Each structure stands twice: as C-alpha cells, then as structure tokens.
Amino acid sequence: MSNTVDAQTSLPTALDHYLRIQTQGLPGKVSYSIGKLDQHTQLAACSAFEPFLPPGSRLWGNATVGIRCLGPSAWTVYVPVQVRIAGNYLLTARRLTPGQIVTTTDVVTQSGDLGALPASILTDPAQAIGKTVRNGVAAGQPLRGDVLIAAWAVQQGQSVRLLTTGTGFTVSNEGKALNNATDGQIVQARTASGQVVSGIARNGGIVEVAY
C-alpha cells in the first residue's frame, strides 16, 4: 500500500495518518506524540508527501519518521515521534539460570508502557513457557525473547520417527537423530540401515523427510 498523501493534506496530517496505520498491529493500546520540526527548517511547497521509516528503525518508543516531498520540489525531513504502548508484559518471578526450562511459576504479568521497554519484550506467558533460558536473568526483570531458546523438538541421540512423504505416499520408519533441533529446524538422522537423511524436526520426536 502506498504511503503517498496528496496535496489536500498537510504534513502533520500526513504524518498522523501514517502513524495511525503503521501502529495498528502493535501489542497494546497505542498512543503517540509528534515532535516539532526545527523552527529554522524552511520547506518548499509540496503537492504530495510520502512518510517512511528509516532503515533499521521501528515505531517503538522514541523513533524518527522521514517524510519525502515528491513534488514539485524534492526534499526530505525527519520528525521525532514517541510511541507509547499500554499493554501487558512479562517479568521474571525469580532468578532464571541458563539451561532452565521456563514454567508458569517463573513469570508474572505486569501492565505498563511497552514503548519504554525493548522491542523484544514478551507479552504473553505462552511465548515463554516451555522454552529454555539462554542467558541468566535476575528476578523482577522484564523478560525478552532473545534470552530464551525454543525447546528441542528433537535431541541428538534420540530415537525419532521418520515420516517420508512423496506424491501419493507416506512411509514411516525409525531412526536416530544426529543433532539437536527445534520445531521447524533442519535435523539429520541415521536410519536403521545406516543411511543419513535430512528432514524438518517436529515436536514429539518426528522428522519430516520429503522426496
């Protein structure tokens, strides 16, 4: 969808419209405030605006939005915005140690401004429970997705069920996993005959092998 706004719209209105659309998918009740342009900034008349996000940035907390003028003059300005997201997020109920599996008693839910927290903050217990702690986290800290890893669907040395599918057929046999893998990752397994095959790990010790 184009972000271009026509001449009947002012720059602040174009920016407000862009922010309203772009923040719709954020996890909570969103509000935002738009900073002022530098008072010394002189902009030529513009017939069409195109708001955009600079590469590597996102609408979360303190951010910057660029606005291009597409004509008759060509110019670009950058406007500071603050995005506030009222919602729930996870805190650690106790200290989490590396290798620990997260359970329901390890996390609590708290309300606050998600925009003041890292964008990787977890907002639902289902995003954390059953995963393994990668890095230790002190008690009472906001829980981020990057400190957790998904539980292994298949572990090295585990007996797995190989489901081989092709056009109109599915064959099931046994094998042994040669590496750890989470659900959806590639895993290698050795069949009873000694053949090594690659497939996609699925929860429950299943490896999907497609031909």
N, C-alpha and C. Protein backbone atom coordinates (compact mmCIF):
# COMPACT_ATOMS: atom_id res chain seq x y z
N MET A 1 0.84 -1.18 0.00
CA MET A 1 0.00 0.00 0.00
C MET A 1 0.88 1.23 0.00
N SER A 2 0.56 2.21 -0.82
CA SER A 2 1.37 3.41 -0.93
C SER A 2 1.16 4.30 0.28
N ASN A 3 2.24 4.96 0.72
CA ASN A 3 2.14 5.91 1.82
C ASN A 3 2.00 7.33 1.32
N THR A 4 1.90 7.51 0.00
CA THR A 4 1.84 8.84 -0.59
C THR A 4 0.53 9.53 -0.22
N VAL A 5 0.62 10.80 0.19
CA VAL A 5 -0.56 11.58 0.55
C VAL A 5 -0.61 12.82 -0.34
N ASP A 6 -1.81 13.16 -0.86
CA ASP A 6 -1.91 14.20 -1.90
C ASP A 6 -1.87 15.61 -1.32
N ALA A 7 -2.03 16.56 -2.21
CA ALA A 7 -1.82 17.96 -1.87
C ALA A 7 -2.87 18.52 -0.92
N GLN A 8 -4.02 17.88 -0.79
CA GLN A 8 -5.07 18.38 0.09
C GLN A 8 -4.72 18.14 1.57
N THR A 9 -3.65 17.44 1.82
CA THR A 9 -3.27 17.06 3.17
C THR A 9 -2.00 17.79 3.59
N SER A 10 -2.01 18.31 4.83
CA SER A 10 -0.82 18.98 5.35
C SER A 10 0.18 17.94 5.82
N LEU A 11 1.42 18.40 6.05
CA LEU A 11 2.46 17.49 6.51
C LEU A 11 2.10 16.85 7.85
N PRO A 12 1.64 17.61 8.86
CA PRO A 12 1.27 16.95 10.13
C PRO A 12 0.14 15.94 9.97
N THR A 13 -0.83 16.24 9.12
CA THR A 13 -1.93 15.30 8.90
C THR A 13 -1.44 14.04 8.19
N ALA A 14 -0.54 14.22 7.23
CA ALA A 14 0.02 13.07 6.53
C ALA A 14 0.78 12.17 7.49
N LEU A 15 1.52 12.77 8.40
CA LEU A 15 2.29 12.00 9.37
C LEU A 15 1.37 11.29 10.36
N ASP A 16 0.33 11.98 10.81
CA ASP A 16 -0.62 11.37 11.74
C ASP A 16 -1.30 10.16 11.09
N HIS A 17 -1.71 10.30 9.85
CA HIS A 17 -2.35 9.19 9.11
C HIS A 17 -1.40 8.00 9.01
N TYR A 18 -0.14 8.27 8.69
CA TYR A 18 0.86 7.21 8.55
C TYR A 18 1.05 6.47 9.88
N LEU A 19 1.19 7.23 10.97
CA LEU A 19 1.42 6.61 12.28
C LEU A 19 0.21 5.78 12.71
N ARG A 20 -0.99 6.27 12.44
CA ARG A 20 -2.19 5.54 12.83
C ARG A 20 -2.26 4.19 12.13
N ILE A 21 -1.91 4.17 10.86
CA ILE A 21 -1.94 2.92 10.08
C ILE A 21 -0.82 1.98 10.53
N GLN A 22 0.38 2.50 10.68
CA GLN A 22 1.55 1.67 10.94
C GLN A 22 1.59 1.09 12.35
N THR A 23 0.86 1.69 13.28
CA THR A 23 0.92 1.19 14.67
C THR A 23 -0.27 0.28 15.00
N GLN A 24 -1.09 -0.03 14.02
CA GLN A 24 -2.28 -0.84 14.29
C GLN A 24 -1.95 -2.24 14.81
N GLY A 25 -0.86 -2.82 14.38
CA GLY A 25 -0.55 -4.20 14.77
C GLY A 25 0.25 -4.35 16.04
N LEU A 26 0.53 -3.24 16.73
CA LEU A 26 1.35 -3.34 17.95
C LEU A 26 0.54 -3.95 19.10
N PRO A 27 1.21 -4.64 20.03
CA PRO A 27 0.52 -5.42 21.06
C PRO A 27 0.06 -4.60 22.26
N GLY A 28 -0.98 -3.78 22.11
CA GLY A 28 -1.48 -2.99 23.21
C GLY A 28 -2.22 -1.77 22.69
N LYS A 29 -2.62 -0.90 23.61
CA LYS A 29 -3.30 0.34 23.23
C LYS A 29 -2.24 1.38 22.92
N VAL A 30 -2.25 1.85 21.68
CA VAL A 30 -1.18 2.72 21.20
C VAL A 30 -1.60 4.19 21.24
N SER A 31 -0.70 5.03 21.71
CA SER A 31 -0.84 6.48 21.56
C SER A 31 0.52 7.01 21.13
N TYR A 32 0.53 8.16 20.51
CA TYR A 32 1.80 8.71 20.05
C TYR A 32 1.76 10.23 20.06
N SER A 33 2.92 10.81 20.18
CA SER A 33 3.06 12.26 20.09
C SER A 33 4.11 12.57 19.04
N ILE A 34 3.88 13.64 18.32
CA ILE A 34 4.76 14.03 17.21
C ILE A 34 5.57 15.25 17.62
N GLY A 35 6.87 15.14 17.51
CA GLY A 35 7.73 16.27 17.85
C GLY A 35 7.66 17.38 16.80
N LYS A 36 8.26 18.50 17.12
CA LYS A 36 8.22 19.64 16.20
C LYS A 36 9.45 19.65 15.31
N LEU A 37 9.23 20.14 14.11
CA LEU A 37 10.37 20.36 13.21
C LEU A 37 11.22 21.49 13.77
N ASP A 38 12.50 21.46 13.43
CA ASP A 38 13.38 22.56 13.78
C ASP A 38 12.77 23.86 13.24
N GLN A 39 12.65 24.86 14.11
CA GLN A 39 12.00 26.11 13.70
C GLN A 39 12.73 26.82 12.57
N HIS A 40 13.98 26.46 12.35
CA HIS A 40 14.75 27.09 11.28
C HIS A 40 14.60 26.35 9.95
N THR A 41 13.87 25.23 9.98
CA THR A 41 13.70 24.46 8.76
C THR A 41 12.74 25.17 7.82
N GLN A 42 13.18 25.46 6.64
CA GLN A 42 12.34 26.10 5.62
C GLN A 42 12.03 25.08 4.54
N LEU A 43 10.75 24.76 4.37
CA LEU A 43 10.34 23.75 3.40
C LEU A 43 9.60 24.39 2.24
N ALA A 44 9.99 24.01 1.04
CA ALA A 44 9.28 24.50 -0.14
C ALA A 44 7.90 23.85 -0.21
N ALA A 45 6.98 24.50 -0.90
CA ALA A 45 5.62 23.97 -1.05
C ALA A 45 5.67 22.56 -1.63
N CYS A 46 4.75 21.71 -1.18
CA CYS A 46 4.77 20.31 -1.60
C CYS A 46 3.37 19.87 -1.98
N SER A 47 3.27 19.10 -3.06
CA SER A 47 1.96 18.63 -3.53
C SER A 47 1.67 17.19 -3.11
N ALA A 48 2.70 16.45 -2.66
CA ALA A 48 2.48 15.06 -2.26
C ALA A 48 3.57 14.63 -1.28
N PHE A 49 3.14 14.10 -0.14
CA PHE A 49 4.07 13.64 0.90
C PHE A 49 4.15 12.12 0.91
N GLU A 50 5.32 11.61 1.28
CA GLU A 50 5.50 10.17 1.45
C GLU A 50 6.24 9.91 2.75
N PRO A 51 5.51 9.65 3.84
CA PRO A 51 6.19 9.29 5.09
C PRO A 51 6.86 7.91 4.96
N PHE A 52 7.96 7.70 5.69
CA PHE A 52 8.65 6.41 5.66
C PHE A 52 9.46 6.24 6.93
N LEU A 53 9.78 4.99 7.24
CA LEU A 53 10.66 4.69 8.36
C LEU A 53 12.08 4.53 7.86
N PRO A 54 13.06 5.20 8.46
CA PRO A 54 14.46 5.00 8.07
C PRO A 54 14.85 3.53 8.25
N PRO A 55 15.78 3.03 7.44
CA PRO A 55 16.20 1.62 7.55
C PRO A 55 16.67 1.28 8.96
N GLY A 56 16.26 0.11 9.43
CA GLY A 56 16.70 -0.36 10.73
C GLY A 56 15.93 0.19 11.91
N SER A 57 14.94 1.05 11.67
CA SER A 57 14.18 1.62 12.78
C SER A 57 12.77 1.05 12.79
N ARG A 58 12.07 1.25 13.91
CA ARG A 58 10.69 0.80 14.01
C ARG A 58 9.93 1.75 14.92
N LEU A 59 8.61 1.71 14.80
CA LEU A 59 7.77 2.59 15.60
C LEU A 59 7.57 1.98 16.98
N TRP A 60 8.51 2.31 17.86
CA TRP A 60 8.50 1.74 19.22
C TRP A 60 9.27 2.70 20.11
N GLY A 61 8.62 3.26 21.13
CA GLY A 61 9.32 4.21 22.00
C GLY A 61 9.69 5.47 21.25
N ASN A 62 10.89 5.96 21.50
CA ASN A 62 11.37 7.13 20.77
C ASN A 62 11.85 6.73 19.38
N ALA A 63 11.26 7.31 18.37
CA ALA A 63 11.58 6.92 17.00
C ALA A 63 11.64 8.17 16.12
N THR A 64 12.02 7.94 14.89
CA THR A 64 12.08 9.02 13.90
C THR A 64 11.38 8.57 12.63
N VAL A 65 10.57 9.45 12.08
CA VAL A 65 9.89 9.16 10.81
C VAL A 65 10.36 10.17 9.77
N GLY A 66 10.71 9.68 8.59
CA GLY A 66 11.09 10.55 7.50
C GLY A 66 9.87 10.90 6.66
N ILE A 67 9.90 12.08 6.05
CA ILE A 67 8.84 12.49 5.13
C ILE A 67 9.49 13.07 3.88
N ARG A 68 9.19 12.43 2.75
CA ARG A 68 9.69 12.91 1.46
C ARG A 68 8.63 13.78 0.79
N CYS A 69 9.06 14.84 0.17
CA CYS A 69 8.20 15.59 -0.73
C CYS A 69 8.46 15.07 -2.14
N LEU A 70 7.39 14.67 -2.83
CA LEU A 70 7.54 14.09 -4.17
C LEU A 70 7.38 15.13 -5.27
N GLY A 71 7.07 16.33 -4.90
CA GLY A 71 6.97 17.38 -5.92
C GLY A 71 6.12 18.55 -5.43
N PRO A 72 6.26 19.72 -6.05
CA PRO A 72 7.16 19.98 -7.19
C PRO A 72 8.64 20.06 -6.79
N SER A 73 8.91 20.33 -5.51
CA SER A 73 10.30 20.31 -5.05
C SER A 73 10.58 18.95 -4.42
N ALA A 74 11.84 18.58 -4.39
CA ALA A 74 12.21 17.30 -3.76
C ALA A 74 12.98 17.60 -2.49
N TRP A 75 12.42 17.22 -1.36
CA TRP A 75 13.12 17.38 -0.09
C TRP A 75 12.68 16.29 0.87
N THR A 76 13.48 16.09 1.92
CA THR A 76 13.18 15.08 2.94
C THR A 76 13.45 15.69 4.31
N VAL A 77 12.52 15.48 5.24
CA VAL A 77 12.75 15.91 6.61
C VAL A 77 12.53 14.71 7.53
N TYR A 78 13.07 14.81 8.73
CA TYR A 78 12.91 13.74 9.72
C TYR A 78 12.26 14.33 10.97
N VAL A 79 11.22 13.66 11.45
CA VAL A 79 10.43 14.18 12.56
C VAL A 79 10.51 13.19 13.73
N PRO A 80 10.84 13.67 14.95
CA PRO A 80 10.86 12.77 16.11
C PRO A 80 9.42 12.45 16.55
N VAL A 81 9.19 11.19 16.88
CA VAL A 81 7.90 10.78 17.42
C VAL A 81 8.13 9.90 18.64
N GLN A 82 7.16 9.88 19.52
CA GLN A 82 7.22 8.99 20.68
C GLN A 82 5.99 8.10 20.65
N VAL A 83 6.22 6.80 20.61
CA VAL A 83 5.13 5.83 20.55
C VAL A 83 4.99 5.17 21.93
N ARG A 84 3.82 5.32 22.53
CA ARG A 84 3.53 4.69 23.82
C ARG A 84 2.58 3.52 23.57
N ILE A 85 2.85 2.40 24.21
CA ILE A 85 2.05 1.19 24.00
C ILE A 85 1.63 0.67 25.37
N ALA A 86 0.38 0.91 25.76
CA ALA A 86 -0.12 0.44 27.04
C ALA A 86 -0.53 -1.02 26.88
N GLY A 87 0.14 -1.91 27.60
CA GLY A 87 -0.18 -3.33 27.47
C GLY A 87 0.48 -4.14 28.57
N ASN A 88 0.32 -5.43 28.50
CA ASN A 88 0.91 -6.34 29.47
C ASN A 88 2.25 -6.87 28.97
N TYR A 89 3.15 -7.12 29.91
CA TYR A 89 4.43 -7.74 29.56
C TYR A 89 4.85 -8.66 30.69
N LEU A 90 5.86 -9.49 30.42
CA LEU A 90 6.29 -10.50 31.39
C LEU A 90 7.48 -10.01 32.22
N LEU A 91 7.39 -10.31 33.50
CA LEU A 91 8.52 -10.12 34.41
C LEU A 91 8.94 -11.49 34.95
N THR A 92 10.22 -11.61 35.29
CA THR A 92 10.67 -12.86 35.92
C THR A 92 10.24 -12.85 37.38
N ALA A 93 9.60 -13.94 37.81
CA ALA A 93 9.15 -14.05 39.20
C ALA A 93 10.30 -14.45 40.13
N ARG A 94 11.32 -15.05 39.55
CA ARG A 94 12.50 -15.46 40.32
C ARG A 94 13.69 -15.44 39.36
N ARG A 95 14.85 -15.64 39.89
CA ARG A 95 16.04 -15.67 39.05
C ARG A 95 15.98 -16.87 38.11
N LEU A 96 16.28 -16.64 36.84
CA LEU A 96 16.32 -17.70 35.85
C LEU A 96 17.78 -17.99 35.50
N THR A 97 18.13 -19.28 35.48
CA THR A 97 19.51 -19.67 35.22
C THR A 97 19.63 -20.32 33.86
N PRO A 98 20.79 -20.21 33.21
CA PRO A 98 20.97 -20.81 31.88
C PRO A 98 20.66 -22.31 31.89
N GLY A 99 19.91 -22.76 30.89
CA GLY A 99 19.55 -24.16 30.78
C GLY A 99 18.23 -24.50 31.44
N GLN A 100 17.69 -23.58 32.21
CA GLN A 100 16.43 -23.82 32.91
C GLN A 100 15.26 -23.79 31.93
N ILE A 101 14.26 -24.63 32.15
CA ILE A 101 13.03 -24.61 31.37
C ILE A 101 12.03 -23.71 32.08
N VAL A 102 11.48 -22.75 31.37
CA VAL A 102 10.56 -21.78 31.97
C VAL A 102 9.20 -22.44 32.24
N THR A 103 8.68 -22.25 33.45
CA THR A 103 7.36 -22.76 33.82
C THR A 103 6.45 -21.59 34.18
N THR A 104 5.19 -21.90 34.46
CA THR A 104 4.22 -20.85 34.78
C THR A 104 4.59 -20.09 36.05
N THR A 105 5.30 -20.73 36.96
CA THR A 105 5.67 -20.06 38.22
C THR A 105 6.91 -19.17 38.08
N ASP A 106 7.53 -19.19 36.92
CA ASP A 106 8.75 -18.39 36.72
C ASP A 106 8.47 -16.98 36.20
N VAL A 107 7.22 -16.73 35.76
CA VAL A 107 6.92 -15.44 35.17
C VAL A 107 5.65 -14.86 35.78
N VAL A 108 5.56 -13.54 35.80
CA VAL A 108 4.34 -12.84 36.19
C VAL A 108 4.06 -11.78 35.13
N THR A 109 2.80 -11.37 35.06
CA THR A 109 2.39 -10.37 34.07
C THR A 109 2.24 -9.02 34.74
N GLN A 110 2.72 -7.99 34.07
CA GLN A 110 2.60 -6.63 34.60
C GLN A 110 2.15 -5.70 33.47
N SER A 111 1.42 -4.65 33.83
CA SER A 111 0.98 -3.67 32.85
C SER A 111 1.93 -2.48 32.85
N GLY A 112 2.11 -1.88 31.69
CA GLY A 112 2.97 -0.71 31.60
C GLY A 112 3.09 -0.24 30.17
N ASP A 113 4.05 0.67 29.95
CA ASP A 113 4.30 1.21 28.61
C ASP A 113 5.34 0.33 27.92
N LEU A 114 4.87 -0.48 26.97
CA LEU A 114 5.80 -1.35 26.25
C LEU A 114 6.80 -0.52 25.44
N GLY A 115 6.40 0.67 25.05
CA GLY A 115 7.29 1.52 24.25
C GLY A 115 8.54 1.93 25.00
N ALA A 116 8.50 1.86 26.34
CA ALA A 116 9.69 2.21 27.14
C ALA A 116 10.58 1.00 27.37
N LEU A 117 10.18 -0.16 26.84
CA LEU A 117 10.92 -1.40 27.02
C LEU A 117 11.50 -1.86 25.69
N PRO A 118 12.44 -2.81 25.70
CA PRO A 118 12.99 -3.31 24.43
C PRO A 118 11.88 -3.90 23.55
N ALA A 119 12.04 -3.77 22.24
CA ALA A 119 11.03 -4.28 21.31
C ALA A 119 10.89 -5.79 21.37
N SER A 120 11.89 -6.48 21.96
CA SER A 120 11.85 -7.94 22.05
C SER A 120 11.13 -8.42 23.32
N ILE A 121 10.50 -7.49 24.06
CA ILE A 121 9.83 -7.86 25.30
C ILE A 121 8.70 -8.86 25.02
N LEU A 122 8.54 -9.84 25.90
CA LEU A 122 7.47 -10.82 25.73
C LEU A 122 6.20 -10.33 26.41
N THR A 123 5.06 -10.57 25.76
CA THR A 123 3.80 -10.02 26.24
C THR A 123 2.79 -11.09 26.63
N ASP A 124 3.12 -12.36 26.42
CA ASP A 124 2.18 -13.44 26.70
C ASP A 124 2.96 -14.61 27.31
N PRO A 125 2.49 -15.18 28.42
CA PRO A 125 3.20 -16.32 29.02
C PRO A 125 3.45 -17.45 28.04
N ALA A 126 2.56 -17.64 27.07
CA ALA A 126 2.74 -18.71 26.09
C ALA A 126 4.00 -18.53 25.26
N GLN A 127 4.51 -17.30 25.19
CA GLN A 127 5.74 -17.04 24.44
C GLN A 127 6.98 -17.51 25.19
N ALA A 128 6.83 -17.79 26.49
CA ALA A 128 8.00 -18.14 27.31
C ALA A 128 7.94 -19.55 27.88
N ILE A 129 6.76 -20.00 28.27
CA ILE A 129 6.63 -21.29 28.96
C ILE A 129 7.07 -22.44 28.05
N GLY A 130 7.94 -23.30 28.61
CA GLY A 130 8.45 -24.44 27.86
C GLY A 130 9.75 -24.16 27.13
N LYS A 131 10.16 -22.90 27.08
CA LYS A 131 11.43 -22.57 26.42
C LYS A 131 12.58 -22.65 27.41
N THR A 132 13.78 -22.71 26.86
CA THR A 132 14.99 -22.84 27.67
C THR A 132 15.67 -21.49 27.82
N VAL A 133 16.15 -21.21 29.02
CA VAL A 133 16.84 -19.95 29.30
C VAL A 133 18.24 -20.00 28.67
N ARG A 134 18.52 -19.04 27.80
CA ARG A 134 19.84 -18.95 27.16
C ARG A 134 20.81 -18.20 28.06
N ASN A 135 20.39 -17.04 28.55
CA ASN A 135 21.21 -16.22 29.43
C ASN A 135 20.48 -16.01 30.75
N GLY A 136 21.21 -16.01 31.86
CA GLY A 136 20.60 -15.82 33.17
C GLY A 136 19.91 -14.47 33.28
N VAL A 137 18.79 -14.45 34.01
CA VAL A 137 18.03 -13.21 34.21
C VAL A 137 17.70 -13.09 35.70
N ALA A 138 17.93 -11.91 36.27
CA ALA A 138 17.63 -11.69 37.68
C ALA A 138 16.12 -11.64 37.90
N ALA A 139 15.70 -11.83 39.12
CA ALA A 139 14.27 -11.75 39.46
C ALA A 139 13.76 -10.34 39.25
N GLY A 140 12.50 -10.22 38.83
CA GLY A 140 11.87 -8.92 38.68
C GLY A 140 12.25 -8.15 37.43
N GLN A 141 12.90 -8.82 36.47
CA GLN A 141 13.34 -8.16 35.24
C GLN A 141 12.35 -8.42 34.10
N PRO A 142 12.15 -7.45 33.22
CA PRO A 142 11.35 -7.71 32.02
C PRO A 142 11.98 -8.85 31.22
N LEU A 143 11.15 -9.76 30.72
CA LEU A 143 11.67 -10.94 30.04
C LEU A 143 11.63 -10.72 28.53
N ARG A 144 12.80 -10.82 27.90
CA ARG A 144 12.93 -10.60 26.46
C ARG A 144 13.03 -11.95 25.73
N GLY A 145 12.55 -11.96 24.51
CA GLY A 145 12.59 -13.18 23.72
C GLY A 145 13.99 -13.64 23.39
N ASP A 146 14.96 -12.69 23.33
CA ASP A 146 16.31 -13.07 22.92
C ASP A 146 17.10 -13.77 24.02
N VAL A 147 16.55 -13.88 25.24
CA VAL A 147 17.26 -14.61 26.30
C VAL A 147 16.73 -16.04 26.41
N LEU A 148 15.78 -16.40 25.56
CA LEU A 148 15.21 -17.74 25.58
C LEU A 148 15.45 -18.43 24.24
N ILE A 149 15.49 -19.74 24.28
CA ILE A 149 15.54 -20.53 23.05
C ILE A 149 14.41 -21.55 23.11
N ALA A 150 13.87 -21.87 21.95
CA ALA A 150 12.77 -22.83 21.91
C ALA A 150 13.25 -24.19 22.40
N ALA A 151 12.33 -24.92 23.02
CA ALA A 151 12.66 -26.26 23.48
C ALA A 151 13.01 -27.14 22.28
N TRP A 152 13.94 -28.10 22.51
CA TRP A 152 14.30 -29.02 21.43
C TRP A 152 13.11 -29.90 21.06
N ALA A 153 12.79 -29.94 19.79
CA ALA A 153 11.78 -30.89 19.31
C ALA A 153 12.42 -32.27 19.16
N VAL A 154 13.71 -32.26 18.80
CA VAL A 154 14.49 -33.49 18.61
C VAL A 154 15.86 -33.27 19.23
N GLN A 155 16.36 -34.24 19.99
CA GLN A 155 17.67 -34.13 20.60
C GLN A 155 18.63 -35.18 20.04
N GLN A 156 19.90 -34.79 19.98
CA GLN A 156 20.93 -35.70 19.46
C GLN A 156 20.91 -37.03 20.20
N GLY A 157 20.91 -38.12 19.44
CA GLY A 157 20.91 -39.46 20.02
C GLY A 157 19.52 -40.00 20.28
N GLN A 158 18.51 -39.15 20.13
CA GLN A 158 17.13 -39.59 20.40
C GLN A 158 16.61 -40.46 19.27
N SER A 159 15.82 -41.46 19.61
CA SER A 159 15.12 -42.24 18.59
C SER A 159 13.98 -41.39 18.04
N VAL A 160 13.90 -41.29 16.74
CA VAL A 160 12.89 -40.44 16.10
C VAL A 160 12.09 -41.26 15.10
N ARG A 161 10.91 -40.74 14.77
CA ARG A 161 10.08 -41.36 13.74
C ARG A 161 10.27 -40.57 12.46
N LEU A 162 10.73 -41.24 11.42
CA LEU A 162 10.96 -40.60 10.12
C LEU A 162 9.71 -40.76 9.27
N LEU A 163 9.12 -39.62 8.90
CA LEU A 163 7.95 -39.64 8.02
C LEU A 163 8.41 -39.18 6.63
N THR A 164 8.50 -40.11 5.70
CA THR A 164 8.94 -39.80 4.34
C THR A 164 7.71 -39.67 3.45
N THR A 165 7.57 -38.50 2.85
CA THR A 165 6.41 -38.25 2.00
C THR A 165 6.83 -37.98 0.57
N GLY A 166 5.98 -38.37 -0.33
CA GLY A 166 6.17 -38.10 -1.75
C GLY A 166 4.79 -37.99 -2.38
N THR A 167 4.75 -37.99 -3.69
CA THR A 167 3.47 -37.87 -4.38
C THR A 167 2.62 -39.11 -4.13
N GLY A 168 1.61 -38.93 -3.30
CA GLY A 168 0.66 -40.02 -3.08
C GLY A 168 1.08 -41.08 -2.08
N PHE A 169 2.19 -40.87 -1.35
CA PHE A 169 2.57 -41.89 -0.37
C PHE A 169 3.25 -41.26 0.85
N THR A 170 3.17 -41.96 1.97
CA THR A 170 3.89 -41.60 3.19
C THR A 170 4.43 -42.88 3.82
N VAL A 171 5.71 -42.90 4.13
CA VAL A 171 6.34 -44.07 4.74
C VAL A 171 6.88 -43.67 6.11
N SER A 172 6.62 -44.47 7.12
CA SER A 172 7.10 -44.20 8.46
C SER A 172 8.11 -45.27 8.88
N ASN A 173 9.28 -44.85 9.35
CA ASN A 173 10.23 -45.79 9.92
C ASN A 173 11.02 -45.12 11.03
N GLU A 174 11.91 -45.85 11.65
CA GLU A 174 12.63 -45.34 12.81
C GLU A 174 14.04 -44.88 12.43
N GLY A 175 14.56 -43.97 13.22
CA GLY A 175 15.92 -43.50 13.02
C GLY A 175 16.46 -42.91 14.30
N LYS A 176 17.67 -42.40 14.23
CA LYS A 176 18.30 -41.78 15.41
C LYS A 176 18.81 -40.40 15.02
N ALA A 177 18.43 -39.39 15.79
CA ALA A 177 18.81 -38.01 15.49
C ALA A 177 20.30 -37.80 15.67
N LEU A 178 20.91 -37.05 14.75
CA LEU A 178 22.35 -36.78 14.82
C LEU A 178 22.65 -35.38 15.35
N ASN A 179 21.63 -34.56 15.58
CA ASN A 179 21.84 -33.22 16.14
C ASN A 179 20.57 -32.74 16.82
N ASN A 180 20.72 -31.71 17.64
CA ASN A 180 19.56 -31.08 18.28
C ASN A 180 18.87 -30.15 17.29
N ALA A 181 17.56 -30.01 17.41
CA ALA A 181 16.83 -29.09 16.54
C ALA A 181 15.52 -28.71 17.20
N THR A 182 15.14 -27.45 17.03
CA THR A 182 13.82 -27.00 17.48
C THR A 182 12.80 -27.26 16.38
N ASP A 183 11.53 -27.10 16.71
CA ASP A 183 10.47 -27.34 15.73
C ASP A 183 10.69 -26.46 14.50
N GLY A 184 10.74 -27.09 13.32
CA GLY A 184 10.91 -26.36 12.07
C GLY A 184 12.35 -26.28 11.58
N GLN A 185 13.32 -26.67 12.42
CA GLN A 185 14.72 -26.63 12.01
C GLN A 185 15.10 -27.92 11.27
N ILE A 186 16.19 -27.83 10.52
CA ILE A 186 16.71 -29.00 9.80
C ILE A 186 17.45 -29.91 10.78
N VAL A 187 17.18 -31.21 10.67
CA VAL A 187 17.86 -32.18 11.52
C VAL A 187 18.30 -33.35 10.65
N GLN A 188 19.44 -33.93 10.98
CA GLN A 188 19.90 -35.13 10.29
C GLN A 188 19.63 -36.35 11.17
N ALA A 189 19.31 -37.44 10.53
CA ALA A 189 19.03 -38.67 11.27
C ALA A 189 19.61 -39.86 10.51
N ARG A 190 19.98 -40.89 11.26
CA ARG A 190 20.51 -42.11 10.66
C ARG A 190 19.43 -43.19 10.73
N THR A 191 19.12 -43.79 9.59
CA THR A 191 18.11 -44.84 9.54
C THR A 191 18.69 -46.15 10.07
N ALA A 192 17.83 -47.14 10.25
CA ALA A 192 18.27 -48.45 10.74
C ALA A 192 19.26 -49.09 9.79
N SER A 193 19.18 -48.74 8.50
CA SER A 193 20.09 -49.32 7.50
C SER A 193 21.42 -48.56 7.42
N GLY A 194 21.54 -47.47 8.20
CA GLY A 194 22.79 -46.70 8.21
C GLY A 194 22.78 -45.49 7.31
N GLN A 195 21.72 -45.28 6.56
CA GLN A 195 21.64 -44.12 5.67
C GLN A 195 21.38 -42.86 6.49
N VAL A 196 22.05 -41.75 6.11
CA VAL A 196 21.83 -40.47 6.78
C VAL A 196 20.90 -39.63 5.92
N VAL A 197 19.81 -39.17 6.53
CA VAL A 197 18.83 -38.35 5.80
C VAL A 197 18.65 -37.03 6.54
N SER A 198 18.19 -36.02 5.82
CA SER A 198 17.89 -34.72 6.42
C SER A 198 16.39 -34.46 6.33
N GLY A 199 15.86 -33.83 7.35
CA GLY A 199 14.44 -33.52 7.35
C GLY A 199 14.16 -32.36 8.28
N ILE A 200 12.89 -32.09 8.48
CA ILE A 200 12.46 -31.00 9.33
C ILE A 200 11.98 -31.57 10.66
N ALA A 201 12.56 -31.07 11.75
CA ALA A 201 12.18 -31.54 13.08
C ALA A 201 10.79 -31.05 13.45
N ARG A 202 10.00 -31.94 14.04
CA ARG A 202 8.69 -31.58 14.56
C ARG A 202 8.59 -32.06 16.00
N ASN A 203 7.79 -31.33 16.80
CA ASN A 203 7.62 -31.71 18.19
C ASN A 203 7.14 -33.15 18.31
N GLY A 204 7.61 -33.83 19.36
CA GLY A 204 7.21 -35.22 19.55
C GLY A 204 8.18 -36.22 18.95
N GLY A 205 9.42 -35.75 18.58
CA GLY A 205 10.41 -36.67 18.04
C GLY A 205 10.13 -37.14 16.64
N ILE A 206 9.55 -36.26 15.82
CA ILE A 206 9.22 -36.59 14.44
C ILE A 206 10.14 -35.82 13.49
N VAL A 207 10.58 -36.49 12.44
CA VAL A 207 11.38 -35.85 11.39
C VAL A 207 10.65 -36.05 10.07
N GLU A 208 10.30 -34.93 9.42
CA GLU A 208 9.62 -35.00 8.13
C GLU A 208 10.66 -34.97 7.01
N VAL A 209 10.68 -36.02 6.22
CA VAL A 209 11.63 -36.13 5.11
C VAL A 209 10.82 -36.11 3.81
N ALA A 210 11.09 -35.15 2.95
CA ALA A 210 10.32 -35.04 1.70
C ALA A 210 11.18 -35.47 0.52
N TYR A 211 10.52 -36.15 -0.43
CA TYR A 211 11.19 -36.55 -1.65
C TYR A 211 10.44 -35.97 -2.83
